[in-house]
All heavy atoms as atom14 arrays in JSON, in Angstrom:
{
  "sequence": "SYELAFRMQSAVPQVLDISSEPEKVREMYGIGKGATSNFG",
  "atom14_mask": [
    [1, 1, 1, 1, 1, 1, 0, 0, 0, 0, 0, 0, 0, 0],
    [1, 1, 1, 1, 1, 1, 1, 1, 1, 1, 1, 1, 0, 0],
    [1, 1, 1, 1, 1, 1, 1, 1, 1, 0, 0, 0, 0, 0],
    [1, 1, 1, 1, 1, 1, 1, 1, 0, 0, 0, 0, 0, 0],
    [1, 1, 1, 1, 1, 0, 0, 0, 0, 0, 0, 0, 0, 0],
    [1, 1, 1, 1, 1, 1, 1, 1, 1, 1, 1, 0, 0, 0],
    [1, 1, 1, 1, 1, 1, 1, 1, 1, 1, 1, 0, 0, 0],
    [1, 1, 1, 1, 1, 1, 1, 1, 0, 0, 0, 0, 0, 0],
    [1, 1, 1, 1, 1, 1, 1, 1, 1, 0, 0, 0, 0, 0],
    [1, 1, 1, 1, 1, 1, 0, 0, 0, 0, 0, 0, 0, 0],
    [1, 1, 1, 1, 1, 0, 0, 0, 0, 0, 0, 0, 0, 0],
    [1, 1, 1, 1, 1, 1, 1, 0, 0, 0, 0, 0, 0, 0],
    [1, 1, 1, 1, 1, 1, 1, 0, 0, 0, 0, 0, 0, 0],
    [1, 1, 1, 1, 1, 1, 1, 1, 1, 0, 0, 0, 0, 0],
    [1, 1, 1, 1, 1, 1, 1, 0, 0, 0, 0, 0, 0, 0],
    [1, 1, 1, 1, 1, 1, 1, 1, 0, 0, 0, 0, 0, 0],
    [1, 1, 1, 1, 1, 1, 1, 1, 0, 0, 0, 0, 0, 0],
    [1, 1, 1, 1, 1, 1, 1, 1, 0, 0, 0, 0, 0, 0],
    [1, 1, 1, 1, 1, 1, 0, 0, 0, 0, 0, 0, 0, 0],
    [1, 1, 1, 1, 1, 1, 0, 0, 0, 0, 0, 0, 0, 0],
    [1, 1, 1, 1, 1, 1, 1, 1, 1, 0, 0, 0, 0, 0],
    [1, 1, 1, 1, 1, 1, 1, 0, 0, 0, 0, 0, 0, 0],
    [1, 1, 1, 1, 1, 1, 1, 1, 1, 0, 0, 0, 0, 0],
    [1, 1, 1, 1, 1, 1, 1, 1, 1, 0, 0, 0, 0, 0],
    [1, 1, 1, 1, 1, 1, 1, 0, 0, 0, 0, 0, 0, 0],
    [1, 1, 1, 1, 1, 1, 1, 1, 1, 1, 1, 0, 0, 0],
    [1, 1, 1, 1, 1, 1, 1, 1, 1, 0, 0, 0, 0, 0],
    [1, 1, 1, 1, 1, 1, 1, 1, 0, 0, 0, 0, 0, 0],
    [1, 1, 1, 1, 1, 1, 1, 1, 1, 1, 1, 1, 0, 0],
    [1, 1, 1, 1, 0, 0, 0, 0, 0, 0, 0, 0, 0, 0],
    [1, 1, 1, 1, 1, 1, 1, 1, 0, 0, 0, 0, 0, 0],
    [1, 1, 1, 1, 0, 0, 0, 0, 0, 0, 0, 0, 0, 0],
    [1, 1, 1, 1, 1, 1, 1, 1, 1, 0, 0, 0, 0, 0],
    [1, 1, 1, 1, 0, 0, 0, 0, 0, 0, 0, 0, 0, 0],
    [1, 1, 1, 1, 1, 0, 0, 0, 0, 0, 0, 0, 0, 0],
    [1, 1, 1, 1, 1, 1, 1, 0, 0, 0, 0, 0, 0, 0],
    [1, 1, 1, 1, 1, 1, 0, 0, 0, 0, 0, 0, 0, 0],
    [1, 1, 1, 1, 1, 1, 1, 1, 0, 0, 0, 0, 0, 0],
    [1, 1, 1, 1, 1, 1, 1, 1, 1, 1, 1, 0, 0, 0],
    [1, 1, 1, 1, 0, 0, 0, 0, 0, 0, 0, 0, 0, 0]
  ],
  "atom14_positions": [
    [[17.7, -29.24, 20.13], [16.58, -28.71, 19.35], [15.23, -29.2, 19.91], [14.28, -28.44, 19.99], [16.69, -29.12, 17.9], [17.84, -28.56, 17.3], [0.0, 0.0, 0.0], [0.0, 0.0, 0.0], [0.0, 0.0, 0.0], [0.0, 0.0, 0.0], [0.0, 0.0, 0.0], [0.0, 0.0, 0.0], [0.0, 0.0, 0.0], [0.0, 0.0, 0.0]],
    [[15.15, -30.45, 20.3], [13.92, -31.02, 20.88], [13.58, -30.27, 22.2], [12.44, -29.89, 22.46], [14.03, -32.53, 21.11], [13.89, -33.32, 19.88], [14.22, -34.72, 19.89], [13.48, -32.78, 18.66], [14.07, -35.49, 18.73], [13.29, -33.57, 17.54], [13.64, -34.9, 17.58], [13.51, -35.65, 16.45], [0.0, 0.0, 0.0], [0.0, 0.0, 0.0]],
    [[14.6, -30.09, 23.05], [14.34, -29.46, 24.31], [13.97, -27.95, 24.09], [13.05, -27.44, 24.77], [15.64, -29.51, 25.19], [15.96, -30.89, 25.67], [14.9, -31.48, 26.65], [14.1, -30.65, 27.19], [14.86, -32.67, 26.83], [0.0, 0.0, 0.0], [0.0, 0.0, 0.0], [0.0, 0.0, 0.0], [0.0, 0.0, 0.0], [0.0, 0.0, 0.0]],
    [[14.61, -27.3, 23.15], [14.28, -25.9, 22.84], [12.8, -25.85, 22.35], [12.08, -24.95, 22.71], [15.25, -25.35, 21.83], [14.94, -23.96, 21.26], [14.92, -22.93, 22.4], [15.94, -23.57, 20.2], [0.0, 0.0, 0.0], [0.0, 0.0, 0.0], [0.0, 0.0, 0.0], [0.0, 0.0, 0.0], [0.0, 0.0, 0.0], [0.0, 0.0, 0.0]],
    [[12.44, -26.77, 21.49], [11.12, -26.76, 20.94], [10.06, -26.9, 22.01], [9.01, -26.25, 22.01], [10.95, -27.86, 19.89], [0.0, 0.0, 0.0], [0.0, 0.0, 0.0], [0.0, 0.0, 0.0], [0.0, 0.0, 0.0], [0.0, 0.0, 0.0], [0.0, 0.0, 0.0], [0.0, 0.0, 0.0], [0.0, 0.0, 0.0], [0.0, 0.0, 0.0]],
    [[10.33, -27.75, 23.01], [9.41, -27.92, 24.12], [9.29, -26.64, 24.93], [8.19, -26.24, 25.3], [9.9, -29.06, 24.99], [8.9, -29.42, 26.12], [7.83, -30.21, 25.8], [9.08, -28.92, 27.36], [6.9, -30.54, 26.79], [8.16, -29.24, 28.37], [7.07, -30.02, 28.1], [0.0, 0.0, 0.0], [0.0, 0.0, 0.0], [0.0, 0.0, 0.0]],
    [[10.45, -25.96, 25.19], [10.4, -24.72, 25.95], [9.66, -23.62, 25.13], [9.05, -22.72, 25.73], [11.83, -24.29, 26.3], [12.55, -25.21, 27.21], [13.81, -24.59, 27.79], [14.72, -24.08, 26.79], [15.74, -24.79, 26.28], [15.91, -26.06, 26.69], [16.55, -24.28, 25.43], [0.0, 0.0, 0.0], [0.0, 0.0, 0.0], [0.0, 0.0, 0.0]],
    [[9.82, -23.65, 23.83], [9.22, -22.61, 22.99], [7.7, -22.59, 23.09], [7.13, -21.53, 22.75], [9.65, -22.86, 21.53], [11.04, -22.44, 21.27], [11.61, -22.97, 19.56], [10.37, -22.14, 18.53], [0.0, 0.0, 0.0], [0.0, 0.0, 0.0], [0.0, 0.0, 0.0], [0.0, 0.0, 0.0], [0.0, 0.0, 0.0], [0.0, 0.0, 0.0]],
    [[7.05, -23.68, 23.46], [5.63, -23.76, 23.46], [4.95, -22.6, 24.23], [3.92, -22.09, 23.75], [5.15, -25.08, 24.02], [5.43, -26.25, 23.14], [4.91, -27.56, 23.74], [3.82, -28.01, 23.34], [5.58, -28.13, 24.67], [0.0, 0.0, 0.0], [0.0, 0.0, 0.0], [0.0, 0.0, 0.0], [0.0, 0.0, 0.0], [0.0, 0.0, 0.0]],
    [[5.54, -22.27, 25.32], [4.94, -21.19, 26.08], [5.54, -19.83, 25.75], [4.84, -18.81, 25.82], [5.15, -21.44, 27.6], [6.53, -21.56, 27.91], [0.0, 0.0, 0.0], [0.0, 0.0, 0.0], [0.0, 0.0, 0.0], [0.0, 0.0, 0.0], [0.0, 0.0, 0.0], [0.0, 0.0, 0.0], [0.0, 0.0, 0.0], [0.0, 0.0, 0.0]],
    [[6.76, -19.8, 25.34], [7.5, -18.5, 25.14], [7.11, -17.88, 23.78], [6.84, -16.71, 23.65], [8.95, -18.64, 25.23], [0.0, 0.0, 0.0], [0.0, 0.0, 0.0], [0.0, 0.0, 0.0], [0.0, 0.0, 0.0], [0.0, 0.0, 0.0], [0.0, 0.0, 0.0], [0.0, 0.0, 0.0], [0.0, 0.0, 0.0], [0.0, 0.0, 0.0]],
    [[7.1, -18.7, 22.7], [6.88, -18.14, 21.36], [5.48, -17.51, 21.17], [5.44, -16.4, 20.69], [7.13, -19.28, 20.29], [6.64, -18.8, 18.93], [8.64, -19.58, 20.26], [0.0, 0.0, 0.0], [0.0, 0.0, 0.0], [0.0, 0.0, 0.0], [0.0, 0.0, 0.0], [0.0, 0.0, 0.0], [0.0, 0.0, 0.0], [0.0, 0.0, 0.0]],
    [[4.41, -18.24, 21.49], [3.09, -17.6, 21.27], [2.98, -16.24, 21.99], [2.37, -15.31, 21.46], [2.14, -18.65, 21.9], [2.82, -19.96, 21.79], [4.27, -19.59, 22.08], [0.0, 0.0, 0.0], [0.0, 0.0, 0.0], [0.0, 0.0, 0.0], [0.0, 0.0, 0.0], [0.0, 0.0, 0.0], [0.0, 0.0, 0.0], [0.0, 0.0, 0.0]],
    [[3.57, -16.13, 23.17], [3.47, -14.9, 23.9], [4.22, -13.76, 23.17], [3.74, -12.66, 23.08], [4.05, -15.1, 25.3], [3.99, -13.81, 26.19], [4.53, -14.09, 27.56], [4.87, -15.22, 27.96], [4.65, -13.02, 28.36], [0.0, 0.0, 0.0], [0.0, 0.0, 0.0], [0.0, 0.0, 0.0], [0.0, 0.0, 0.0], [0.0, 0.0, 0.0]],
    [[5.41, -14.1, 22.65], [6.21, -13.08, 21.97], [5.55, -12.67, 20.65], [5.54, -11.48, 20.29], [7.62, -13.6, 21.7], [8.4, -12.61, 20.81], [8.35, -13.83, 23.04], [0.0, 0.0, 0.0], [0.0, 0.0, 0.0], [0.0, 0.0, 0.0], [0.0, 0.0, 0.0], [0.0, 0.0, 0.0], [0.0, 0.0, 0.0], [0.0, 0.0, 0.0]],
    [[4.97, -13.63, 19.91], [4.41, -13.33, 18.65], [2.97, -12.86, 18.69], [2.41, -12.56, 17.63], [4.48, -14.6, 17.75], [5.87, -15.12, 17.42], [5.81, -16.35, 16.51], [6.74, -14.01, 16.81], [0.0, 0.0, 0.0], [0.0, 0.0, 0.0], [0.0, 0.0, 0.0], [0.0, 0.0, 0.0], [0.0, 0.0, 0.0], [0.0, 0.0, 0.0]],
    [[2.34, -12.75, 19.81], [1.03, -12.3, 19.95], [0.95, -10.8, 19.89], [0.97, -10.13, 20.92], [0.41, -12.81, 21.27], [-1.07, -12.43, 21.39], [-1.67, -11.99, 20.4], [-1.62, -12.51, 22.52], [0.0, 0.0, 0.0], [0.0, 0.0, 0.0], [0.0, 0.0, 0.0], [0.0, 0.0, 0.0], [0.0, 0.0, 0.0], [0.0, 0.0, 0.0]],
    [[0.89, -10.21, 18.68], [0.91, -8.79, 18.55], [-0.4, -8.14, 18.94], [-0.49, -6.9, 19.04], [1.25, -8.39, 17.1], [0.18, -8.89, 16.12], [2.62, -8.89, 16.7], [0.35, -8.39, 14.74], [0.0, 0.0, 0.0], [0.0, 0.0, 0.0], [0.0, 0.0, 0.0], [0.0, 0.0, 0.0], [0.0, 0.0, 0.0], [0.0, 0.0, 0.0]],
    [[-1.43, -8.93, 19.23], [-2.68, -8.37, 19.69], [-2.51, -7.63, 21.05], [-3.35, -6.83, 21.43], [-3.74, -9.45, 19.77], [-3.44, -10.4, 20.79], [0.0, 0.0, 0.0], [0.0, 0.0, 0.0], [0.0, 0.0, 0.0], [0.0, 0.0, 0.0], [0.0, 0.0, 0.0], [0.0, 0.0, 0.0], [0.0, 0.0, 0.0], [0.0, 0.0, 0.0]],
    [[-1.43, -8.03, 21.75], [-1.18, -7.4, 23.08], [-0.63, -5.96, 22.93], [-0.53, -5.23, 23.88], [-0.25, -8.24, 23.89], [0.99, -8.39, 23.28], [0.0, 0.0, 0.0], [0.0, 0.0, 0.0], [0.0, 0.0, 0.0], [0.0, 0.0, 0.0], [0.0, 0.0, 0.0], [0.0, 0.0, 0.0], [0.0, 0.0, 0.0], [0.0, 0.0, 0.0]],
    [[-0.22, -5.64, 21.71], [0.36, -4.29, 21.45], [-0.77, -3.26, 21.4], [-1.89, -3.53, 20.91], [1.09, -4.24, 20.12], [2.37, -5.06, 20.12], [3.51, -4.36, 20.86], [3.42, -3.17, 21.11], [4.53, -5.09, 21.2], [0.0, 0.0, 0.0], [0.0, 0.0, 0.0], [0.0, 0.0, 0.0], [0.0, 0.0, 0.0], [0.0, 0.0, 0.0]],
    [[-0.52, -2.03, 21.88], [-1.54, -0.98, 21.79], [-1.92, -0.76, 20.31], [-1.17, -0.91, 19.43], [-0.81, 0.23, 22.34], [0.26, -0.31, 23.24], [0.69, -1.59, 22.57], [0.0, 0.0, 0.0], [0.0, 0.0, 0.0], [0.0, 0.0, 0.0], [0.0, 0.0, 0.0], [0.0, 0.0, 0.0], [0.0, 0.0, 0.0], [0.0, 0.0, 0.0]],
    [[-3.21, -0.31, 20.16], [-3.68, -0.12, 18.83], [-2.88, 0.92, 18.04], [-2.64, 0.73, 16.83], [-5.18, 0.3, 18.86], [-5.81, 0.44, 17.53], [-7.25, 0.87, 17.6], [-7.82, 0.81, 18.73], [-7.91, 1.13, 16.56], [0.0, 0.0, 0.0], [0.0, 0.0, 0.0], [0.0, 0.0, 0.0], [0.0, 0.0, 0.0], [0.0, 0.0, 0.0]],
    [[-2.43, 1.94, 18.71], [-1.66, 2.96, 18.02], [-0.32, 2.43, 17.52], [0.19, 2.87, 16.48], [-1.41, 4.17, 18.95], [-0.59, 3.92, 20.19], [-0.39, 5.16, 21.0], [0.47, 4.92, 22.23], [0.72, 6.14, 23.03], [0.0, 0.0, 0.0], [0.0, 0.0, 0.0], [0.0, 0.0, 0.0], [0.0, 0.0, 0.0], [0.0, 0.0, 0.0]],
    [[0.21, 1.47, 18.21], [1.48, 0.84, 17.7], [1.19, 0.01, 16.44], [1.96, 0.07, 15.47], [2.13, -0.09, 18.79], [3.3, -0.87, 18.24], [2.57, 0.79, 19.98], [0.0, 0.0, 0.0], [0.0, 0.0, 0.0], [0.0, 0.0, 0.0], [0.0, 0.0, 0.0], [0.0, 0.0, 0.0], [0.0, 0.0, 0.0], [0.0, 0.0, 0.0]],
    [[0.15, -0.78, 16.46], [-0.22, -1.54, 15.29], [-0.5, -0.65, 14.13], [-0.12, -0.95, 12.96], [-1.37, -2.46, 15.6], [-1.1, -3.49, 16.7], [-2.09, -4.7, 16.64], [-3.46, -4.23, 16.87], [-4.06, -4.07, 18.06], [-3.35, -4.31, 19.17], [-5.3, -3.66, 18.15], [0.0, 0.0, 0.0], [0.0, 0.0, 0.0], [0.0, 0.0, 0.0]],
    [[-1.13, 0.45, 14.37], [-1.45, 1.44, 13.32], [-0.17, 2.07, 12.77], [-0.04, 2.28, 11.58], [-2.38, 2.53, 13.82], [-3.78, 2.1, 14.1], [-4.68, 3.19, 14.6], [-4.11, 4.25, 14.93], [-5.9, 3.01, 14.75], [0.0, 0.0, 0.0], [0.0, 0.0, 0.0], [0.0, 0.0, 0.0], [0.0, 0.0, 0.0], [0.0, 0.0, 0.0]],
    [[0.8, 2.3, 13.65], [2.07, 2.87, 13.23], [2.8, 1.97, 12.28], [3.41, 2.41, 11.3], [2.98, 3.11, 14.49], [4.34, 3.73, 14.13], [5.31, 4.11, 15.67], [5.71, 2.46, 16.22], [0.0, 0.0, 0.0], [0.0, 0.0, 0.0], [0.0, 0.0, 0.0], [0.0, 0.0, 0.0], [0.0, 0.0, 0.0], [0.0, 0.0, 0.0]],
    [[2.68, 0.65, 12.47], [3.3, -0.31, 11.57], [2.45, -0.57, 10.33], [2.89, -1.32, 9.42], [3.55, -1.64, 12.28], [4.79, -1.68, 13.17], [4.76, -1.23, 14.46], [6.0, -2.1, 12.65], [5.86, -1.26, 15.29], [7.14, -2.14, 13.41], [7.05, -1.66, 14.82], [8.19, -1.72, 15.59], [0.0, 0.0, 0.0], [0.0, 0.0, 0.0]],
    [[1.28, -0.05, 10.25], [0.4, -0.26, 9.06], [-0.35, -1.61, 9.08], [-0.81, -2.02, 8.04], [0.0, 0.0, 0.0], [0.0, 0.0, 0.0], [0.0, 0.0, 0.0], [0.0, 0.0, 0.0], [0.0, 0.0, 0.0], [0.0, 0.0, 0.0], [0.0, 0.0, 0.0], [0.0, 0.0, 0.0], [0.0, 0.0, 0.0], [0.0, 0.0, 0.0]],
    [[-0.48, -2.2, 10.25], [-1.11, -3.49, 10.35], [-2.67, -3.3, 10.21], [-3.21, -2.39, 10.84], [-0.79, -4.19, 11.71], [0.7, -4.46, 11.75], [-1.59, -5.44, 11.87], [1.18, -4.96, 13.06], [0.0, 0.0, 0.0], [0.0, 0.0, 0.0], [0.0, 0.0, 0.0], [0.0, 0.0, 0.0], [0.0, 0.0, 0.0], [0.0, 0.0, 0.0]],
    [[-3.24, -4.1, 9.36], [-4.68, -3.97, 9.1], [-5.04, -2.96, 8.05], [-6.19, -2.61, 7.92], [0.0, 0.0, 0.0], [0.0, 0.0, 0.0], [0.0, 0.0, 0.0], [0.0, 0.0, 0.0], [0.0, 0.0, 0.0], [0.0, 0.0, 0.0], [0.0, 0.0, 0.0], [0.0, 0.0, 0.0], [0.0, 0.0, 0.0], [0.0, 0.0, 0.0]],
    [[-3.97, -2.47, 7.3], [-4.26, -1.44, 6.27], [-3.97, -1.97, 4.9], [-3.46, -1.18, 4.04], [-3.43, -0.2, 6.57], [-3.78, 0.52, 7.85], [-2.96, 1.77, 8.03], [-3.35, 2.58, 9.23], [-2.55, 3.82, 9.44], [0.0, 0.0, 0.0], [0.0, 0.0, 0.0], [0.0, 0.0, 0.0], [0.0, 0.0, 0.0], [0.0, 0.0, 0.0]],
    [[-4.27, -3.21, 4.67], [-4.06, -3.72, 3.29], [-2.65, -3.92, 2.9], [-2.01, -4.85, 3.33], [0.0, 0.0, 0.0], [0.0, 0.0, 0.0], [0.0, 0.0, 0.0], [0.0, 0.0, 0.0], [0.0, 0.0, 0.0], [0.0, 0.0, 0.0], [0.0, 0.0, 0.0], [0.0, 0.0, 0.0], [0.0, 0.0, 0.0], [0.0, 0.0, 0.0]],
    [[-2.07, -3.04, 2.06], [-0.8, -3.22, 1.44], [0.31, -3.36, 2.52], [1.26, -4.08, 2.31], [-0.46, -2.05, 0.5], [0.0, 0.0, 0.0], [0.0, 0.0, 0.0], [0.0, 0.0, 0.0], [0.0, 0.0, 0.0], [0.0, 0.0, 0.0], [0.0, 0.0, 0.0], [0.0, 0.0, 0.0], [0.0, 0.0, 0.0], [0.0, 0.0, 0.0]],
    [[0.21, -2.63, 3.64], [1.24, -2.64, 4.63], [1.09, -3.66, 5.7], [1.99, -3.9, 6.52], [1.38, -1.27, 5.27], [0.1, -0.9, 5.85], [1.76, -0.2, 4.33], [0.0, 0.0, 0.0], [0.0, 0.0, 0.0], [0.0, 0.0, 0.0], [0.0, 0.0, 0.0], [0.0, 0.0, 0.0], [0.0, 0.0, 0.0], [0.0, 0.0, 0.0]],
    [[0.0, -4.37, 5.71], [-0.36, -5.28, 6.82], [0.59, -6.4, 6.93], [1.03, -6.76, 8.05], [-1.8, -5.76, 6.72], [-2.14, -6.48, 7.88], [0.0, 0.0, 0.0], [0.0, 0.0, 0.0], [0.0, 0.0, 0.0], [0.0, 0.0, 0.0], [0.0, 0.0, 0.0], [0.0, 0.0, 0.0], [0.0, 0.0, 0.0], [0.0, 0.0, 0.0]],
    [[0.96, -7.07, 5.83], [1.83, -8.26, 5.8], [3.18, -7.88, 6.36], [3.62, -8.49, 7.35], [1.94, -8.84, 4.39], [2.75, -10.07, 4.29], [3.68, -10.29, 5.01], [2.34, -10.97, 3.45], [0.0, 0.0, 0.0], [0.0, 0.0, 0.0], [0.0, 0.0, 0.0], [0.0, 0.0, 0.0], [0.0, 0.0, 0.0], [0.0, 0.0, 0.0]],
    [[3.84, -6.97, 5.74], [5.26, -6.65, 6.19], [5.24, -5.88, 7.5], [6.19, -5.97, 8.28], [5.98, -5.87, 5.1], [7.5, -6.02, 5.17], [8.11, -7.21, 4.8], [8.28, -5.01, 5.67], [9.45, -7.38, 4.88], [9.67, -5.19, 5.77], [10.21, -6.36, 5.37], [0.0, 0.0, 0.0], [0.0, 0.0, 0.0], [0.0, 0.0, 0.0]],
    [[4.19, -5.17, 7.75], [4.05, -4.49, 9.06], [3.98, -5.48, 10.18], [4.61, -5.3, 11.24], [0.0, 0.0, 0.0], [0.0, 0.0, 0.0], [0.0, 0.0, 0.0], [0.0, 0.0, 0.0], [0.0, 0.0, 0.0], [0.0, 0.0, 0.0], [0.0, 0.0, 0.0], [0.0, 0.0, 0.0], [0.0, 0.0, 0.0], [0.0, 0.0, 0.0]]
  ]
}
């Protein structure tokens, strides 16, 4: 678990950075639209 956590430092932020997704994709999921933003 400790070793995995160390490796995750570079991998996880990159995967979870949804700002790299095209705007039309974020809109498709309802991100930034109030009610749908959280679950989107």
